[in-house]
Amino acid sequence: MWMAAIVISGERVSRRSLDPAPEDPADLAVWYAGNLDRTLAVLRVADPDALTWTFSSTGDRRVNWWCRRLAIEVAIHRWDAQHALAAESKQRPAPLDGDVARAGIEEFVVEFLPGLVAQEGVEGLAGTFHLHATDEPVEWWIDLDAGGSMLPLHAKADTAISGTRSDLLLWLTNRRPLDTIEASGNRQVLDHWHQLRR
C-alpha cells in the first residue's frame, strides 16, 4: 500500500496517512493479498524510469527501484514465514528464486551494507571478502575497510564465501547459519557478521 502510494504520487508518503491493517488477525491475509495485487497493478503500468521518492542511499529515484525492492522484500518474507512454520510442517522453506536473490545481494551490498558497517558499536568487521555463487557464474568482492563498498576488480580476498544465490542472501541478512555456506580464509568476518541487523 505504501509503495503504491509513493509511485502514484511520486513523493514521500507517511505510512500513518494510509489505512491501518485490520485488527482481527483472521482478516490480515485477505488485506495483505489485496494490497499486494493493487501494488503490482500500479507497478505494471508505471514507467520504470519515471522519477519518484525512494529511500535509496545511492540516489536512485526511479520507479524501477521499487519494483526490485518489492520483489526482494516479498521473497525474503515468504522465506521467513515458511521458516517460522518449519517446525510444525517439517518442511524446509523453499529457496529464494535465484534471480531475485542475485538482485537482493546486489541491493544489500550497494544500498544497505555501507550504513550497517558504519553503525556505532559494530566491531571486528574488516578486510575484504569474496562472495561466489555456486548456481550461477556470478561473484562479488567487498571491501569492509572502505565501508562495505564493492570492489570493481577481481582480487584475492581475506575471506571467501560460496553458496547458492539464495543461501548467500539469506546468510548476508542473518537468516541462515554458517553451515549453509562454504567459507575459507579469515573467519573473523563470519564470527562478527551477526552484528549487522536490518
Protein backbone atom coordinates (compact mmCIF):
# COMPACT_ATOMS: atom_id res chain seq x y z
CA MET A 1 0.00 0.00 0.00
CA TRP A 2 2.83 2.37 0.93
CA MET A 3 4.86 1.58 -2.18
CA ALA A 4 1.85 2.05 -4.45
CA ALA A 5 1.02 5.42 -2.87
CA ILE A 6 4.61 6.61 -3.37
CA VAL A 7 4.74 5.52 -7.02
CA ILE A 8 1.36 7.12 -7.79
CA SER A 9 2.24 10.43 -6.13
CA GLY A 10 5.95 10.47 -6.94
CA GLU A 11 6.53 11.80 -3.43
CA ARG A 12 7.29 10.54 0.05
CA VAL A 13 4.15 9.29 1.80
CA SER A 14 3.69 8.86 5.53
CA ARG A 15 2.59 5.35 6.44
CA ARG A 16 0.37 6.90 9.11
CA SER A 17 -1.72 8.51 6.37
CA LEU A 18 -2.70 5.10 4.97
CA ASP A 19 -5.49 2.80 6.07
CA PRO A 20 -4.28 0.69 9.01
CA ALA A 21 -4.12 -3.08 8.91
CA PRO A 22 -7.21 -4.86 10.24
CA GLU A 23 -7.19 -5.58 13.95
CA ASP A 24 -8.51 -9.11 13.55
CA PRO A 25 -5.60 -11.41 12.55
CA ALA A 26 -8.06 -13.53 10.58
CA ASP A 27 -8.51 -10.61 8.16
CA LEU A 28 -4.80 -9.96 7.58
CA ALA A 29 -4.20 -12.41 4.73
CA VAL A 30 -7.02 -11.03 2.56
CA TRP A 31 -5.97 -7.44 3.37
CA TYR A 32 -2.34 -8.16 2.51
CA ALA A 33 -3.13 -10.02 -0.73
CA GLY A 34 -5.43 -7.24 -1.89
CA ASN A 35 -2.80 -4.59 -1.25
CA LEU A 36 -0.13 -6.66 -2.99
CA ASP A 37 -2.36 -7.08 -6.06
CA ARG A 38 -3.02 -3.31 -6.17
CA THR A 39 0.66 -2.51 -5.81
CA LEU A 40 1.62 -4.91 -8.60
CA ALA A 41 -1.03 -3.33 -10.83
CA VAL A 42 0.39 0.14 -10.14
CA LEU A 43 3.95 -1.00 -10.86
CA ARG A 44 2.93 -2.78 -14.09
CA VAL A 45 1.59 0.40 -15.69
CA ALA A 46 4.16 2.83 -14.27
CA ASP A 47 7.11 3.94 -16.37
CA PRO A 48 10.07 2.17 -14.70
CA ASP A 49 12.30 5.17 -15.42
CA ALA A 50 9.86 7.75 -14.04
CA LEU A 51 11.12 9.71 -11.03
CA THR A 52 9.65 9.10 -7.60
CA TRP A 53 10.71 9.21 -3.97
CA THR A 54 12.76 6.25 -2.69
CA PHE A 55 14.95 5.68 0.34
CA SER A 56 17.88 4.70 -1.88
CA SER A 57 21.23 5.51 -0.30
CA THR A 58 22.74 5.83 -3.78
CA GLY A 59 20.24 8.40 -5.04
CA ASP A 60 18.29 6.07 -7.34
CA ARG A 61 14.91 7.79 -7.64
CA ARG A 62 13.33 5.64 -10.33
CA VAL A 63 10.11 3.62 -10.11
CA ASN A 64 12.20 0.59 -11.09
CA TRP A 65 13.91 0.82 -7.68
CA TRP A 66 10.55 -0.03 -6.07
CA CYS A 67 9.96 -2.93 -8.49
CA ARG A 68 13.21 -4.52 -7.35
CA ARG A 69 12.58 -3.66 -3.67
CA LEU A 70 9.12 -5.28 -3.71
CA ALA A 71 10.36 -8.48 -5.37
CA ILE A 72 13.16 -8.88 -2.84
CA GLU A 73 11.03 -7.94 0.16
CA VAL A 74 8.25 -10.39 -0.72
CA ALA A 75 10.71 -13.21 -1.48
CA ILE A 76 12.60 -12.83 1.79
CA HIS A 77 9.48 -12.55 3.93
CA ARG A 78 7.92 -15.54 2.17
CA TRP A 79 11.02 -17.46 3.26
CA ASP A 80 10.64 -16.03 6.79
CA ALA A 81 7.04 -17.23 7.00
CA GLN A 82 7.89 -20.72 5.77
CA HIS A 83 10.85 -20.87 8.14
CA ALA A 84 8.62 -19.91 11.07
CA LEU A 85 6.26 -22.77 10.20
CA ALA A 86 9.03 -25.29 9.50
CA ALA A 87 8.94 -26.86 12.99
CA GLU A 88 5.25 -27.71 12.62
CA SER A 89 5.21 -28.61 8.93
CA LYS A 90 8.59 -30.40 8.99
CA GLN A 91 9.25 -28.90 5.57
CA ARG A 92 12.22 -26.67 4.90
CA PRO A 93 11.46 -23.30 3.33
CA ALA A 94 11.80 -23.25 -0.45
CA PRO A 95 14.92 -21.35 -1.54
CA LEU A 96 14.63 -17.86 -2.95
CA ASP A 97 14.39 -17.50 -6.71
CA GLY A 98 17.98 -17.24 -7.95
CA ASP A 99 17.48 -14.06 -10.00
CA VAL A 100 15.66 -12.33 -7.15
CA ALA A 101 18.37 -13.45 -4.72
CA ARG A 102 21.05 -12.04 -7.03
CA ALA A 103 19.25 -8.70 -7.14
CA GLY A 104 18.91 -8.89 -3.36
CA ILE A 105 22.64 -9.49 -2.86
CA GLU A 106 23.50 -6.53 -5.06
CA GLU A 107 20.92 -4.33 -3.34
CA PHE A 108 22.16 -5.36 0.10
CA VAL A 109 25.80 -4.68 -0.73
CA VAL A 110 25.22 -1.39 -2.56
CA GLU A 111 22.27 0.10 -0.66
CA PHE A 112 22.44 -1.21 2.89
CA LEU A 113 25.86 -2.63 3.79
CA PRO A 114 27.75 0.70 3.99
CA GLY A 115 25.25 2.05 6.52
CA LEU A 116 25.23 -1.18 8.52
CA VAL A 117 29.03 -1.33 8.73
CA ALA A 118 29.14 2.32 9.86
CA GLN A 119 26.75 1.74 12.78
CA GLU A 120 28.07 2.57 16.22
CA GLY A 121 29.21 -0.49 18.12
CA VAL A 122 29.96 -2.69 15.11
CA GLU A 123 33.34 -4.32 15.69
CA GLY A 124 35.53 -6.95 14.09
CA LEU A 125 34.37 -6.43 10.51
CA ALA A 126 37.43 -5.63 8.45
CA GLY A 127 39.27 -6.69 5.32
CA THR A 128 37.91 -7.93 2.03
CA PHE A 129 35.63 -10.78 1.21
CA HIS A 130 34.58 -12.58 -1.91
CA LEU A 131 31.07 -13.94 -2.44
CA HIS A 132 30.87 -16.68 -5.04
CA ALA A 133 27.56 -18.09 -6.28
CA THR A 134 27.62 -21.82 -6.93
CA ASP A 135 24.41 -21.86 -9.00
CA GLU A 136 25.36 -19.13 -11.49
CA PRO A 137 28.71 -17.72 -12.66
CA VAL A 138 28.50 -14.52 -10.61
CA GLU A 139 30.80 -13.13 -7.91
CA TRP A 140 31.13 -10.08 -5.70
CA TRP A 141 34.22 -8.58 -4.00
CA ILE A 142 33.53 -6.39 -0.97
CA ASP A 143 35.93 -4.11 0.94
CA LEU A 144 34.80 -3.70 4.54
CA ASP A 145 37.69 -1.31 5.22
CA ALA A 146 36.13 1.03 2.66
CA GLY A 147 32.72 0.97 4.37
CA GLY A 148 31.49 -2.20 2.68
CA SER A 149 31.91 -0.91 -0.86
CA MET A 150 32.00 -3.28 -3.80
CA LEU A 151 35.37 -3.76 -5.47
CA PRO A 152 35.30 -3.36 -9.26
CA LEU A 153 38.08 -5.85 -9.95
CA HIS A 154 38.66 -9.50 -9.19
CA ALA A 155 41.19 -9.75 -6.38
CA LYS A 156 42.30 -12.17 -3.71
CA ALA A 157 40.11 -11.63 -0.67
CA ASP A 158 40.77 -12.21 3.03
CA THR A 159 37.60 -14.29 3.32
CA ALA A 160 35.88 -16.33 0.62
CA ILE A 161 32.23 -17.37 0.90
CA SER A 162 30.45 -19.73 -1.51
CA GLY A 163 26.85 -20.86 -1.78
CA THR A 164 23.76 -20.65 -3.91
CA ARG A 165 22.47 -17.15 -4.56
CA SER A 166 19.59 -17.91 -2.18
CA ASP A 167 21.87 -19.13 0.61
CA LEU A 168 24.25 -16.19 0.16
CA LEU A 169 21.47 -13.61 0.50
CA LEU A 170 19.90 -15.41 3.45
CA TRP A 171 23.31 -15.57 5.18
CA LEU A 172 24.04 -11.88 4.43
CA THR A 173 20.74 -10.94 6.07
CA ASN A 174 21.39 -13.19 9.09
CA ARG A 175 18.71 -15.72 8.24
CA ARG A 176 20.87 -18.79 7.63
CA PRO A 177 23.69 -20.22 9.77
CA LEU A 178 27.26 -20.64 8.63
CA ASP A 179 26.77 -24.33 7.85
CA THR A 180 24.65 -23.39 4.81
CA ILE A 181 27.65 -21.78 3.07
CA GLU A 182 31.28 -22.67 2.47
CA ALA A 183 33.87 -20.30 3.89
CA SER A 184 37.64 -20.09 3.85
CA GLY A 185 40.29 -17.60 4.89
CA ASN A 186 39.86 -15.18 7.77
CA ARG A 187 36.78 -16.34 9.67
CA GLN A 188 36.69 -13.24 11.88
CA VAL A 189 34.27 -11.60 9.44
CA LEU A 190 31.93 -14.57 9.75
CA ASP A 191 32.13 -14.60 13.54
CA HIS A 192 31.13 -10.92 13.71
CA TRP A 193 28.64 -10.72 10.85
CA HIS A 194 25.63 -11.28 13.15
CA GLN A 195 26.05 -7.68 14.40
CA LEU A 196 24.60 -6.38 11.14
CA ARG A 197 20.83 -6.25 11.53
CA ARG A 198 18.30 -4.51 9.36
